[in-house]
């Protein structure tokens, strides 16, 4: 008897621009098989801050998601605050960087890197 498991839906969405940028960063670091870790941590002017890191491997309790070959990790505590998040990358000359659209955020600070729920 075999048991089929239904894959869990992704907790977040990562746009094609963000995927391409992270893959490029991983390539430059010589870690094309690396992971992007997305999280939330206490701090910032609104109470919580977004955190992006590169990782070599998942932790035992991480949720792993894959977006067009990019492996993304999230710890269970962060998923409470980031479920439904859209991670994008803006490559405008004046405002290059990652942007976060979080449906759980009740308020955000002007920099866009801090939020409250």
C-alpha atoms as a PDB file:
ATOM      1  CA  UNK A   1       0.000   0.000   0.000  1.00  0.00           C
ATOM      2  CA  UNK A   2       1.357   3.421  -0.919  1.00  0.00           C
ATOM      3  CA  UNK A   3       0.424   6.676   0.671  1.00  0.00           C
ATOM      4  CA  UNK A   4       0.135   9.788  -1.450  1.00  0.00           C
ATOM      5  CA  UNK A   5       0.720  13.141   0.115  1.00  0.00           C
ATOM      6  CA  UNK A   6      -0.633  16.324  -1.326  1.00  0.00           C
ATOM      7  CA  UNK A   7       2.035  19.030  -1.491  1.00  0.00           C
ATOM      8  CA  UNK A   8       1.363  21.940   0.827  1.00  0.00           C
ATOM      9  CA  UNK A   9       0.554  25.208  -0.914  1.00  0.00           C
ATOM     10  CA  UNK A  10       3.250  27.851  -0.684  1.00  0.00           C
ATOM     11  CA  UNK A  11       2.896  30.179   2.291  1.00  0.00           C
ATOM     12  CA  UNK A  12       4.236  33.144   0.337  1.00  0.00           C
ATOM     13  CA  UNK A  13       4.703  34.274  -3.251  1.00  0.00           C
ATOM     14  CA  UNK A  14       8.034  35.249  -4.790  1.00  0.00           C
ATOM     15  CA  UNK A  15       7.839  37.255  -8.019  1.00  0.00           C
ATOM     16  CA  UNK A  16       9.902  36.399 -11.109  1.00  0.00           C
ATOM     17  CA  UNK A  17      12.092  39.502 -10.567  1.00  0.00           C
ATOM     18  CA  UNK A  18      12.874  38.454  -6.990  1.00  0.00           C
ATOM     19  CA  UNK A  19      13.559  34.873  -8.082  1.00  0.00           C
ATOM     20  CA  UNK A  20      16.003  36.017 -10.766  1.00  0.00           C
ATOM     21  CA  UNK A  21      17.798  38.389  -8.389  1.00  0.00           C
ATOM     22  CA  UNK A  22      18.215  35.798  -5.617  1.00  0.00           C
ATOM     23  CA  UNK A  23      19.410  33.158  -8.091  1.00  0.00           C
ATOM     24  CA  UNK A  24      21.981  35.674  -9.342  1.00  0.00           C
ATOM     25  CA  UNK A  25      23.153  36.363  -5.778  1.00  0.00           C
ATOM     26  CA  UNK A  26      23.474  32.646  -5.054  1.00  0.00           C
ATOM     27  CA  UNK A  27      25.470  32.126  -8.265  1.00  0.00           C
ATOM     28  CA  UNK A  28      27.846  34.979  -7.377  1.00  0.00           C
ATOM     29  CA  UNK A  29      28.383  33.421  -3.948  1.00  0.00           C
ATOM     30  CA  UNK A  30      29.212  30.098  -5.595  1.00  0.00           C
ATOM     31  CA  UNK A  31      26.141  28.460  -4.026  1.00  0.00           C
ATOM     32  CA  UNK A  32      23.702  27.841  -6.887  1.00  0.00           C
ATOM     33  CA  UNK A  33      22.004  25.107  -4.822  1.00  0.00           C
ATOM     34  CA  UNK A  34      21.616  27.363  -1.780  1.00  0.00           C
ATOM     35  CA  UNK A  35      18.412  28.499  -0.140  1.00  0.00           C
ATOM     36  CA  UNK A  36      16.792  31.846   0.545  1.00  0.00           C
ATOM     37  CA  UNK A  37      15.576  32.104   4.135  1.00  0.00           C
ATOM     38  CA  UNK A  38      12.646  34.506   4.631  1.00  0.00           C
ATOM     39  CA  UNK A  39      11.717  35.432   8.172  1.00  0.00           C
ATOM     40  CA  UNK A  40      10.425  37.961  10.652  1.00  0.00           C
ATOM     41  CA  UNK A  41      12.297  39.074  13.732  1.00  0.00           C
ATOM     42  CA  UNK A  42      11.489  41.389  16.613  1.00  0.00           C
ATOM     43  CA  UNK A  43      12.673  44.944  16.136  1.00  0.00           C
ATOM     44  CA  UNK A  44      12.337  47.874  13.820  1.00  0.00           C
ATOM     45  CA  UNK A  45      10.208  50.943  14.319  1.00  0.00           C
ATOM     46  CA  UNK A  46       6.926  49.025  13.854  1.00  0.00           C
ATOM     47  CA  UNK A  47       7.664  46.006  16.074  1.00  0.00           C
ATOM     48  CA  UNK A  48       8.776  43.360  13.560  1.00  0.00           C
ATOM     49  CA  UNK A  49      11.334  43.413  10.757  1.00  0.00           C
ATOM     50  CA  UNK A  50      11.664  41.327   7.624  1.00  0.00           C
ATOM     51  CA  UNK A  51      14.777  39.196   7.437  1.00  0.00           C
ATOM     52  CA  UNK A  52      16.355  37.691   4.306  1.00  0.00           C
ATOM     53  CA  UNK A  53      19.388  35.387   4.505  1.00  0.00           C
ATOM     54  CA  UNK A  54      21.084  32.773   2.390  1.00  0.00           C
ATOM     55  CA  UNK A  55      21.292  29.256   3.836  1.00  0.00           C
ATOM     56  CA  UNK A  56      23.160  26.110   2.860  1.00  0.00           C
ATOM     57  CA  UNK A  57      20.526  23.703   4.207  1.00  0.00           C
ATOM     58  CA  UNK A  58      17.125  23.741   5.903  1.00  0.00           C
ATOM     59  CA  UNK A  59      16.646  23.395   9.649  1.00  0.00           C
ATOM     60  CA  UNK A  60      14.572  20.444  10.872  1.00  0.00           C
ATOM     61  CA  UNK A  61      11.402  22.508  11.395  1.00  0.00           C
ATOM     62  CA  UNK A  62      11.664  24.756   8.317  1.00  0.00           C
ATOM     63  CA  UNK A  63       8.924  24.932   5.724  1.00  0.00           C
ATOM     64  CA  UNK A  64      10.490  24.569   2.263  1.00  0.00           C
ATOM     65  CA  UNK A  65       8.929  26.121  -0.827  1.00  0.00           C
ATOM     66  CA  UNK A  66      10.190  26.132  -4.416  1.00  0.00           C
ATOM     67  CA  UNK A  67       9.655  28.926  -6.928  1.00  0.00           C
ATOM     68  CA  UNK A  68      10.964  28.265 -10.441  1.00  0.00           C
ATOM     69  CA  UNK A  69      13.898  26.311  -9.006  1.00  0.00           C
ATOM     70  CA  UNK A  70      14.608  28.765  -6.154  1.00  0.00           C
ATOM     71  CA  UNK A  71      14.385  27.020  -2.786  1.00  0.00           C
ATOM     72  CA  UNK A  72      12.912  29.209  -0.035  1.00  0.00           C
ATOM     73  CA  UNK A  73      12.851  28.409   3.684  1.00  0.00           C
ATOM     74  CA  UNK A  74      10.694  29.777   6.485  1.00  0.00           C
ATOM     75  CA  UNK A  75      10.629  28.866  10.162  1.00  0.00           C
ATOM     76  CA  UNK A  76       7.256  28.117  11.811  1.00  0.00           C
ATOM     77  CA  UNK A  77       7.222  31.259  13.986  1.00  0.00           C
ATOM     78  CA  UNK A  78       7.800  33.563  11.000  1.00  0.00           C
ATOM     79  CA  UNK A  79       5.000  31.860   9.081  1.00  0.00           C
ATOM     80  CA  UNK A  80       2.533  33.221  11.658  1.00  0.00           C
ATOM     81  CA  UNK A  81       3.378  36.770  10.548  1.00  0.00           C
ATOM     82  CA  UNK A  82       4.282  36.233   6.892  1.00  0.00           C
ATOM     83  CA  UNK A  83       1.632  33.895   5.479  1.00  0.00           C
ATOM     84  CA  UNK A  84       0.402  35.466   2.228  1.00  0.00           C
ATOM     85  CA  UNK A  85       3.495  37.683   1.834  1.00  0.00           C
ATOM     86  CA  UNK A  86       4.616  38.688  -1.654  1.00  0.00           C
ATOM     87  CA  UNK A  87       8.368  39.195  -2.027  1.00  0.00           C
ATOM     88  CA  UNK A  88       9.320  41.321  -5.026  1.00  0.00           C
ATOM     89  CA  UNK A  89      12.496  42.952  -6.290  1.00  0.00           C
ATOM     90  CA  UNK A  90      12.516  46.527  -7.539  1.00  0.00           C
ATOM     91  CA  UNK A  91      15.399  47.381  -9.863  1.00  0.00           C
ATOM     92  CA  UNK A  92      14.660  51.093 -10.310  1.00  0.00           C
ATOM     93  CA  UNK A  93      17.728  53.306 -10.281  1.00  0.00           C
ATOM     94  CA  UNK A  94      16.614  55.227  -7.189  1.00  0.00           C
ATOM     95  CA  UNK A  95      14.924  52.440  -5.207  1.00  0.00           C
ATOM     96  CA  UNK A  96      16.622  49.127  -5.966  1.00  0.00           C
ATOM     97  CA  UNK A  97      15.920  46.398  -3.425  1.00  0.00           C
ATOM     98  CA  UNK A  98      13.445  43.865  -2.155  1.00  0.00           C
ATOM     99  CA  UNK A  99       9.890  44.918  -1.388  1.00  0.00           C
ATOM    100  CA  UNK A 100       7.415  43.161   0.875  1.00  0.00           C
ATOM    101  CA  UNK A 101       3.625  43.130   0.506  1.00  0.00           C
ATOM    102  CA  UNK A 102       2.262  41.574   3.671  1.00  0.00           C
ATOM    103  CA  UNK A 103      -1.523  41.176   4.078  1.00  0.00           C
ATOM    104  CA  UNK A 104      -1.015  40.589   7.826  1.00  0.00           C
ATOM    105  CA  UNK A 105       0.643  43.961   8.427  1.00  0.00           C
ATOM    106  CA  UNK A 106      -1.647  46.418  10.181  1.00  0.00           C
ATOM    107  CA  UNK A 107       0.938  49.168   9.804  1.00  0.00           C
ATOM    108  CA  UNK A 108       4.373  49.582   8.259  1.00  0.00           C
ATOM    109  CA  UNK A 109       7.143  52.102   8.658  1.00  0.00           C
ATOM    110  CA  UNK A 110       8.291  54.415   5.890  1.00  0.00           C
ATOM    111  CA  UNK A 111      11.291  52.271   4.979  1.00  0.00           C
ATOM    112  CA  UNK A 112       9.069  49.262   4.225  1.00  0.00           C
ATOM    113  CA  UNK A 113      11.301  46.879   6.209  1.00  0.00           C
ATOM    114  CA  UNK A 114       9.374  47.001   9.475  1.00  0.00           C
ATOM    115  CA  UNK A 115       5.753  46.125  10.191  1.00  0.00           C
ATOM    116  CA  UNK A 116       3.244  45.507  12.958  1.00  0.00           C
ATOM    117  CA  UNK A 117       0.444  42.957  13.199  1.00  0.00           C
END
